[in-house]
Amino acid sequence: MSVEVEVVRNVTADLVEAFDRLLPQLSRNAAPLDADALARLIEWDGNHLLAARVDRRILGVLTLVMFPIPTGLRAWIEDVVVDEAGRGQGIGAALTTEAIRLAQVAGARTVDLTSRPSRQAANRLYERLGFQLRDSKVYRYAP
């Protein structure tokens, strides 16, 4: 099995189908994304949507966000999801490795991500790829 990771540049029917299948596996509360919403995501400055294909079928996605702040260019990995049918096959590692590579090429000082403690396999993957747990609190404002 070969995993091919690409930066998504255009909305295609298979991308819309993949998000219809993958987004509910990521979040029970996320609204479905139609072609227009996916186009806005892809076109947003700083966003890099990565898709992992196995036998030409999209089995995983990751969003890499890069942004400049006074202390330098930062990168953040968000919304990583691998299809249940493809887990354990290196898809998450391929997506994350490519995101790290893209961030480094762009000159990002760091690459951050968050992961719930219950996602044990994902946490093991991130640690294996060199991410270190930080002593930090994540705050969220949701009016």
N, C-alpha and C. Protein backbone atom coordinates (compact mmCIF):
# COMPACT_ATOMS: atom_id res chain seq x y z
N MET A 1 0.83 -1.17 0.00
CA MET A 1 0.00 0.00 0.00
C MET A 1 0.89 1.24 0.00
N SER A 2 0.56 2.16 -0.87
CA SER A 2 1.31 3.40 -0.98
C SER A 2 0.40 4.57 -0.65
N VAL A 3 0.87 5.45 0.24
CA VAL A 3 0.11 6.64 0.63
C VAL A 3 0.71 7.82 -0.12
N GLU A 4 -0.13 8.54 -0.85
CA GLU A 4 0.29 9.73 -1.56
C GLU A 4 -0.38 10.94 -0.90
N VAL A 5 0.44 11.92 -0.51
CA VAL A 5 -0.08 13.12 0.14
C VAL A 5 0.07 14.29 -0.82
N GLU A 6 -0.99 15.05 -0.97
CA GLU A 6 -0.98 16.21 -1.85
C GLU A 6 -1.55 17.42 -1.13
N VAL A 7 -1.10 18.60 -1.54
CA VAL A 7 -1.73 19.83 -1.10
C VAL A 7 -2.90 20.06 -2.05
N VAL A 8 -4.09 20.17 -1.49
CA VAL A 8 -5.29 20.33 -2.31
C VAL A 8 -5.34 21.75 -2.86
N ARG A 9 -5.50 21.85 -4.16
CA ARG A 9 -5.56 23.16 -4.82
C ARG A 9 -6.94 23.47 -5.38
N ASN A 10 -7.74 22.42 -5.64
CA ASN A 10 -9.05 22.60 -6.25
C ASN A 10 -10.06 21.67 -5.60
N VAL A 11 -11.31 22.10 -5.60
CA VAL A 11 -12.39 21.26 -5.10
C VAL A 11 -12.82 20.32 -6.22
N THR A 12 -12.87 19.05 -5.89
CA THR A 12 -13.31 18.02 -6.83
C THR A 12 -14.44 17.22 -6.19
N ALA A 13 -15.13 16.46 -6.99
CA ALA A 13 -16.21 15.63 -6.47
C ALA A 13 -15.70 14.64 -5.43
N ASP A 14 -14.51 14.07 -5.66
CA ASP A 14 -14.00 13.11 -4.68
C ASP A 14 -13.59 13.79 -3.38
N LEU A 15 -13.20 15.06 -3.41
CA LEU A 15 -12.90 15.79 -2.18
C LEU A 15 -14.18 16.04 -1.38
N VAL A 16 -15.24 16.44 -2.06
CA VAL A 16 -16.52 16.65 -1.38
C VAL A 16 -17.00 15.34 -0.76
N GLU A 17 -16.88 14.25 -1.50
CA GLU A 17 -17.29 12.93 -0.99
C GLU A 17 -16.45 12.55 0.22
N ALA A 18 -15.16 12.82 0.15
CA ALA A 18 -14.27 12.48 1.26
C ALA A 18 -14.66 13.25 2.52
N PHE A 19 -14.95 14.54 2.39
CA PHE A 19 -15.34 15.31 3.56
C PHE A 19 -16.69 14.87 4.09
N ASP A 20 -17.61 14.47 3.22
CA ASP A 20 -18.90 13.93 3.69
C ASP A 20 -18.68 12.69 4.56
N ARG A 21 -17.66 11.91 4.22
CA ARG A 21 -17.36 10.67 4.94
C ARG A 21 -16.48 10.92 6.17
N LEU A 22 -15.49 11.81 6.04
CA LEU A 22 -14.49 11.99 7.09
C LEU A 22 -14.90 12.96 8.19
N LEU A 23 -15.58 14.04 7.84
CA LEU A 23 -15.89 15.06 8.84
C LEU A 23 -16.70 14.50 10.01
N PRO A 24 -17.71 13.65 9.80
CA PRO A 24 -18.42 13.07 10.94
C PRO A 24 -17.54 12.19 11.83
N GLN A 25 -16.44 11.65 11.28
CA GLN A 25 -15.51 10.86 12.08
C GLN A 25 -14.63 11.75 12.94
N LEU A 26 -14.52 13.02 12.54
CA LEU A 26 -13.72 13.99 13.28
C LEU A 26 -14.54 14.67 14.36
N SER A 27 -15.77 15.04 14.03
CA SER A 27 -16.60 15.81 14.94
C SER A 27 -18.07 15.51 14.72
N ARG A 28 -18.75 15.23 15.81
CA ARG A 28 -20.20 15.00 15.72
C ARG A 28 -20.95 16.29 15.49
N ASN A 29 -20.33 17.42 15.82
CA ASN A 29 -21.02 18.71 15.77
C ASN A 29 -20.69 19.55 14.54
N ALA A 30 -19.73 19.15 13.75
CA ALA A 30 -19.32 19.95 12.60
C ALA A 30 -20.39 19.91 11.51
N ALA A 31 -20.67 21.08 10.97
CA ALA A 31 -21.62 21.16 9.86
C ALA A 31 -20.97 20.60 8.60
N PRO A 32 -21.75 19.94 7.77
CA PRO A 32 -21.19 19.42 6.50
C PRO A 32 -20.61 20.56 5.66
N LEU A 33 -19.60 20.24 4.87
CA LEU A 33 -18.97 21.22 4.00
C LEU A 33 -19.33 20.93 2.55
N ASP A 34 -19.95 21.90 1.90
CA ASP A 34 -20.23 21.74 0.48
C ASP A 34 -19.03 22.24 -0.33
N ALA A 35 -19.15 22.21 -1.64
CA ALA A 35 -18.04 22.60 -2.51
C ALA A 35 -17.62 24.05 -2.27
N ASP A 36 -18.59 24.95 -2.04
CA ASP A 36 -18.25 26.36 -1.79
C ASP A 36 -17.48 26.53 -0.49
N ALA A 37 -17.90 25.83 0.55
CA ALA A 37 -17.20 25.92 1.84
C ALA A 37 -15.78 25.36 1.72
N LEU A 38 -15.62 24.28 1.00
CA LEU A 38 -14.29 23.71 0.79
C LEU A 38 -13.42 24.66 -0.03
N ALA A 39 -14.00 25.32 -1.01
CA ALA A 39 -13.23 26.29 -1.80
C ALA A 39 -12.74 27.44 -0.92
N ARG A 40 -13.59 27.93 -0.03
CA ARG A 40 -13.16 29.00 0.89
C ARG A 40 -12.02 28.52 1.78
N LEU A 41 -12.11 27.30 2.26
CA LEU A 41 -11.06 26.72 3.10
C LEU A 41 -9.73 26.65 2.34
N ILE A 42 -9.78 26.18 1.12
CA ILE A 42 -8.57 26.01 0.30
C ILE A 42 -7.97 27.36 -0.07
N GLU A 43 -8.81 28.34 -0.36
CA GLU A 43 -8.35 29.65 -0.83
C GLU A 43 -7.89 30.57 0.28
N TRP A 44 -8.18 30.24 1.54
CA TRP A 44 -7.84 31.11 2.67
C TRP A 44 -6.33 31.23 2.81
N ASP A 45 -5.83 32.47 2.83
CA ASP A 45 -4.39 32.67 3.00
C ASP A 45 -3.92 32.00 4.29
N GLY A 46 -2.86 31.27 4.19
CA GLY A 46 -2.29 30.61 5.36
C GLY A 46 -2.75 29.17 5.53
N ASN A 47 -3.86 28.78 4.91
CA ASN A 47 -4.34 27.40 5.01
C ASN A 47 -3.70 26.54 3.94
N HIS A 48 -3.36 25.33 4.34
CA HIS A 48 -2.84 24.32 3.41
C HIS A 48 -3.58 23.03 3.75
N LEU A 49 -4.53 22.67 2.90
CA LEU A 49 -5.29 21.45 3.10
C LEU A 49 -4.54 20.30 2.45
N LEU A 50 -4.19 19.31 3.25
CA LEU A 50 -3.49 18.13 2.73
C LEU A 50 -4.47 16.96 2.67
N ALA A 51 -4.36 16.18 1.62
CA ALA A 51 -5.19 14.99 1.47
C ALA A 51 -4.28 13.80 1.22
N ALA A 52 -4.57 12.70 1.88
CA ALA A 52 -3.81 11.46 1.70
C ALA A 52 -4.67 10.49 0.89
N ARG A 53 -4.08 9.97 -0.16
CA ARG A 53 -4.78 9.02 -1.03
C ARG A 53 -4.10 7.65 -0.97
N VAL A 54 -4.94 6.65 -0.97
CA VAL A 54 -4.49 5.27 -1.12
C VAL A 54 -5.31 4.70 -2.27
N ASP A 55 -4.64 4.21 -3.29
CA ASP A 55 -5.32 3.73 -4.49
C ASP A 55 -6.27 4.80 -5.03
N ARG A 56 -5.82 6.04 -5.06
CA ARG A 56 -6.52 7.22 -5.58
C ARG A 56 -7.71 7.67 -4.75
N ARG A 57 -8.04 6.98 -3.67
CA ARG A 57 -9.16 7.36 -2.81
C ARG A 57 -8.64 8.16 -1.62
N ILE A 58 -9.29 9.28 -1.31
CA ILE A 58 -8.88 10.10 -0.17
C ILE A 58 -9.30 9.39 1.11
N LEU A 59 -8.30 9.04 1.94
CA LEU A 59 -8.57 8.36 3.20
C LEU A 59 -8.17 9.18 4.41
N GLY A 60 -7.64 10.36 4.19
CA GLY A 60 -7.27 11.21 5.31
C GLY A 60 -7.04 12.64 4.87
N VAL A 61 -7.28 13.57 5.80
CA VAL A 61 -7.03 14.99 5.54
C VAL A 61 -6.43 15.64 6.77
N LEU A 62 -5.76 16.75 6.56
CA LEU A 62 -5.13 17.53 7.62
C LEU A 62 -5.10 18.97 7.13
N THR A 63 -5.31 19.91 8.05
CA THR A 63 -5.18 21.32 7.71
C THR A 63 -3.96 21.88 8.43
N LEU A 64 -3.04 22.43 7.65
CA LEU A 64 -1.87 23.12 8.17
C LEU A 64 -2.13 24.61 8.02
N VAL A 65 -2.06 25.33 9.14
CA VAL A 65 -2.28 26.77 9.13
C VAL A 65 -0.95 27.43 9.50
N MET A 66 -0.52 28.36 8.68
CA MET A 66 0.71 29.10 8.98
C MET A 66 0.38 30.60 9.05
N PHE A 67 1.00 31.26 10.04
CA PHE A 67 0.71 32.68 10.24
C PHE A 67 1.89 33.37 10.88
N PRO A 68 2.17 34.60 10.45
CA PRO A 68 3.26 35.36 11.05
C PRO A 68 2.77 36.08 12.31
N ILE A 69 3.59 36.05 13.33
CA ILE A 69 3.35 36.82 14.54
C ILE A 69 4.66 37.50 14.90
N PRO A 70 4.68 38.42 15.86
CA PRO A 70 5.92 39.15 16.14
C PRO A 70 7.13 38.26 16.45
N THR A 71 6.90 37.06 16.97
CA THR A 71 8.04 36.20 17.30
C THR A 71 8.42 35.25 16.17
N GLY A 72 7.78 35.37 15.02
CA GLY A 72 8.16 34.55 13.87
C GLY A 72 6.98 33.83 13.26
N LEU A 73 7.27 33.14 12.18
CA LEU A 73 6.24 32.36 11.48
C LEU A 73 5.90 31.13 12.31
N ARG A 74 4.64 30.91 12.54
CA ARG A 74 4.19 29.73 13.30
C ARG A 74 3.34 28.84 12.41
N ALA A 75 3.29 27.59 12.77
CA ALA A 75 2.47 26.62 12.04
C ALA A 75 1.65 25.84 13.05
N TRP A 76 0.44 25.52 12.67
CA TRP A 76 -0.48 24.81 13.53
C TRP A 76 -1.17 23.74 12.71
N ILE A 77 -1.19 22.53 13.21
CA ILE A 77 -1.90 21.43 12.56
C ILE A 77 -3.26 21.29 13.21
N GLU A 78 -4.29 21.25 12.38
CA GLU A 78 -5.67 21.15 12.86
C GLU A 78 -6.43 20.10 12.06
N ASP A 79 -7.49 19.62 12.67
CA ASP A 79 -8.49 18.77 12.02
C ASP A 79 -7.88 17.63 11.20
N VAL A 80 -7.07 16.84 11.88
CA VAL A 80 -6.51 15.63 11.27
C VAL A 80 -7.54 14.52 11.42
N VAL A 81 -7.87 13.89 10.32
CA VAL A 81 -8.78 12.75 10.40
C VAL A 81 -8.38 11.72 9.34
N VAL A 82 -8.33 10.47 9.78
CA VAL A 82 -8.07 9.35 8.89
C VAL A 82 -9.30 8.45 8.94
N ASP A 83 -9.75 8.03 7.79
CA ASP A 83 -10.92 7.16 7.70
C ASP A 83 -10.71 5.93 8.57
N GLU A 84 -11.75 5.53 9.28
CA GLU A 84 -11.66 4.35 10.14
C GLU A 84 -11.12 3.14 9.38
N ALA A 85 -11.48 3.03 8.11
CA ALA A 85 -11.04 1.89 7.31
C ALA A 85 -9.56 1.95 6.97
N GLY A 86 -8.93 3.12 7.15
CA GLY A 86 -7.52 3.26 6.79
C GLY A 86 -6.59 3.44 7.96
N ARG A 87 -7.12 3.38 9.16
CA ARG A 87 -6.27 3.63 10.34
C ARG A 87 -5.27 2.49 10.53
N GLY A 88 -4.09 2.87 11.05
CA GLY A 88 -3.05 1.89 11.30
C GLY A 88 -2.23 1.57 10.06
N GLN A 89 -2.41 2.34 8.98
CA GLN A 89 -1.71 2.06 7.74
C GLN A 89 -0.69 3.14 7.37
N GLY A 90 -0.40 4.05 8.32
CA GLY A 90 0.60 5.08 8.07
C GLY A 90 0.06 6.35 7.43
N ILE A 91 -1.23 6.46 7.29
CA ILE A 91 -1.83 7.63 6.65
C ILE A 91 -1.64 8.88 7.51
N GLY A 92 -1.92 8.78 8.80
CA GLY A 92 -1.74 9.91 9.70
C GLY A 92 -0.29 10.35 9.76
N ALA A 93 0.62 9.40 9.77
CA ALA A 93 2.05 9.73 9.79
C ALA A 93 2.46 10.43 8.50
N ALA A 94 1.96 9.96 7.37
CA ALA A 94 2.31 10.58 6.09
C ALA A 94 1.79 12.01 6.02
N LEU A 95 0.56 12.23 6.46
CA LEU A 95 -0.01 13.58 6.47
C LEU A 95 0.80 14.51 7.38
N THR A 96 1.08 14.05 8.59
CA THR A 96 1.77 14.88 9.57
C THR A 96 3.21 15.17 9.13
N THR A 97 3.88 14.19 8.60
CA THR A 97 5.25 14.37 8.12
C THR A 97 5.30 15.39 7.00
N GLU A 98 4.35 15.34 6.09
CA GLU A 98 4.31 16.32 5.00
C GLU A 98 3.99 17.70 5.53
N ALA A 99 3.10 17.81 6.50
CA ALA A 99 2.80 19.11 7.10
C ALA A 99 4.04 19.70 7.76
N ILE A 100 4.79 18.90 8.47
CA ILE A 100 6.03 19.36 9.10
C ILE A 100 7.01 19.84 8.04
N ARG A 101 7.14 19.07 6.97
CA ARG A 101 8.06 19.44 5.89
C ARG A 101 7.67 20.79 5.28
N LEU A 102 6.38 20.96 4.98
CA LEU A 102 5.91 22.22 4.39
C LEU A 102 6.16 23.40 5.33
N ALA A 103 5.93 23.20 6.62
CA ALA A 103 6.15 24.26 7.60
C ALA A 103 7.63 24.62 7.67
N GLN A 104 8.49 23.63 7.66
CA GLN A 104 9.93 23.90 7.71
C GLN A 104 10.40 24.63 6.46
N VAL A 105 9.92 24.22 5.30
CA VAL A 105 10.29 24.88 4.04
C VAL A 105 9.86 26.35 4.07
N ALA A 106 8.70 26.63 4.66
CA ALA A 106 8.19 28.00 4.75
C ALA A 106 8.94 28.83 5.79
N GLY A 107 9.70 28.17 6.67
CA GLY A 107 10.46 28.88 7.69
C GLY A 107 9.76 29.00 9.03
N ALA A 108 8.76 28.17 9.28
CA ALA A 108 8.06 28.21 10.56
C ALA A 108 9.01 27.84 11.70
N ARG A 109 8.92 28.60 12.77
CA ARG A 109 9.77 28.33 13.95
C ARG A 109 9.32 27.09 14.69
N THR A 110 8.03 26.88 14.74
CA THR A 110 7.47 25.73 15.46
C THR A 110 6.27 25.20 14.70
N VAL A 111 5.90 23.96 15.01
CA VAL A 111 4.65 23.37 14.53
C VAL A 111 3.93 22.85 15.77
N ASP A 112 2.74 23.34 16.01
CA ASP A 112 1.96 22.95 17.18
C ASP A 112 0.71 22.19 16.76
N LEU A 113 0.18 21.44 17.69
CA LEU A 113 -1.12 20.78 17.51
C LEU A 113 -1.66 20.43 18.89
N THR A 114 -2.93 20.15 18.94
CA THR A 114 -3.53 19.64 20.17
C THR A 114 -4.19 18.30 19.85
N SER A 115 -4.30 17.48 20.86
CA SER A 115 -4.94 16.18 20.71
C SER A 115 -5.53 15.77 22.05
N ARG A 116 -6.75 15.33 22.01
CA ARG A 116 -7.38 14.90 23.26
C ARG A 116 -6.66 13.67 23.83
N PRO A 117 -6.57 13.59 25.16
CA PRO A 117 -5.92 12.43 25.78
C PRO A 117 -6.54 11.10 25.37
N SER A 118 -7.83 11.10 25.07
CA SER A 118 -8.50 9.85 24.69
C SER A 118 -8.04 9.32 23.33
N ARG A 119 -7.41 10.14 22.54
CA ARG A 119 -6.91 9.72 21.22
C ARG A 119 -5.51 9.13 21.38
N GLN A 120 -5.45 7.99 22.04
CA GLN A 120 -4.17 7.40 22.42
C GLN A 120 -3.28 7.07 21.22
N ALA A 121 -3.84 6.50 20.17
CA ALA A 121 -3.03 6.14 19.00
C ALA A 121 -2.46 7.40 18.34
N ALA A 122 -3.28 8.44 18.23
CA ALA A 122 -2.81 9.69 17.63
C ALA A 122 -1.71 10.30 18.49
N ASN A 123 -1.88 10.29 19.79
CA ASN A 123 -0.86 10.86 20.68
C ASN A 123 0.46 10.10 20.58
N ARG A 124 0.40 8.78 20.48
CA ARG A 124 1.62 7.99 20.30
C ARG A 124 2.30 8.36 18.98
N LEU A 125 1.50 8.55 17.94
CA LEU A 125 2.04 8.93 16.64
C LEU A 125 2.77 10.27 16.73
N TYR A 126 2.12 11.27 17.33
CA TYR A 126 2.74 12.59 17.40
C TYR A 126 4.04 12.55 18.19
N GLU A 127 4.06 11.80 19.28
CA GLU A 127 5.29 11.68 20.05
C GLU A 127 6.38 10.96 19.25
N ARG A 128 5.99 9.93 18.52
CA ARG A 128 6.95 9.20 17.69
C ARG A 128 7.54 10.10 16.60
N LEU A 129 6.74 11.07 16.12
CA LEU A 129 7.22 11.99 15.07
C LEU A 129 8.02 13.16 15.64
N GLY A 130 8.18 13.22 16.96
CA GLY A 130 9.03 14.24 17.56
C GLY A 130 8.31 15.36 18.28
N PHE A 131 6.99 15.33 18.31
CA PHE A 131 6.26 16.35 19.07
C PHE A 131 6.45 16.08 20.55
N GLN A 132 6.57 17.14 21.32
CA GLN A 132 6.74 17.03 22.75
C GLN A 132 5.55 17.66 23.46
N LEU A 133 5.10 17.00 24.49
CA LEU A 133 3.99 17.52 25.30
C LEU A 133 4.45 18.77 26.00
N ARG A 134 3.65 19.82 25.92
CA ARG A 134 3.99 21.09 26.57
C ARG A 134 3.13 21.26 27.81
N ASP A 135 3.72 21.89 28.80
CA ASP A 135 2.97 22.22 30.00
C ASP A 135 2.22 23.52 29.73
N SER A 136 1.01 23.37 29.28
CA SER A 136 0.23 24.53 28.85
C SER A 136 -1.24 24.26 29.09
N LYS A 137 -2.01 25.29 29.08
CA LYS A 137 -3.46 25.17 29.13
C LYS A 137 -4.02 25.75 27.85
N VAL A 138 -5.02 25.14 27.33
CA VAL A 138 -5.68 25.65 26.14
C VAL A 138 -6.98 26.29 26.62
N TYR A 139 -7.16 27.54 26.25
CA TYR A 139 -8.38 28.25 26.61
C TYR A 139 -9.20 28.47 25.36
N ARG A 140 -10.49 28.45 25.52
CA ARG A 140 -11.39 28.69 24.40
C ARG A 140 -12.48 29.62 24.85
N TYR A 141 -12.73 30.62 24.05
CA TYR A 141 -13.86 31.52 24.27
C TYR A 141 -14.94 31.17 23.28
N ALA A 142 -16.09 30.82 23.73
CA ALA A 142 -17.21 30.46 22.85
C ALA A 142 -18.47 31.16 23.36
N PRO A 143 -18.76 32.33 22.80
CA PRO A 143 -19.92 33.08 23.29
C PRO A 143 -21.23 32.33 23.07
